[in-house]
Amino acid sequence: MLSLSQASGVLGTLLIPTWAEKMDDQRVVVWTVVLLELVSLFGLMPNGTFLVPLWMFILGLSLGGSFGLALLFIVLRTRDSETATELSGLSQSIGYTLAAVGPTLFGALHDITGAWLLPLSLLLVTLIIKLFMGLGAAKPEKC
């Protein structure tokens, strides 16, 4: 399932930013990616294997699309290469630090509880933060 998620993530990384760059205001794209992730997380929450490949495909698509959007926003929202470099360094250092801590925390929560509900709930909290940050970055303004 992880391989399926990663493969669809590549697809999302290619398709979502390509769609978003054609728009002046990418808030619709942010909402779409967030809703796809929300649906997939709720699909994964019940115990069992019902439609897990579908949920993992959608999750990978949305996560890959989110990553591609984040990189696209750095380019679209800056006026010059110096500002883009500064924003890129700041955002990626924070993002990769969270990415380094996330899997360990996710796995620890699963080990402690013996279930996936709490780790997936943590992803829902992260999704809410991503929505607000994404909507702010999607506004057609330069920094």
Foldseek 3Di string as FASTA:
>chain_A
DVVLLQVLLVVLLPPLVVVQVVDLFNLVSLVVLLVLLVVLLVVPADPDDPCPSVSSSSNSNSVSNLVNVVLSLLVQAADDPVSSVVVCVVVVVVVVVCVVVLVVVLVVVCVVVVHNNVSSVVVVVVSVVSSVVVNVSRNNHHD
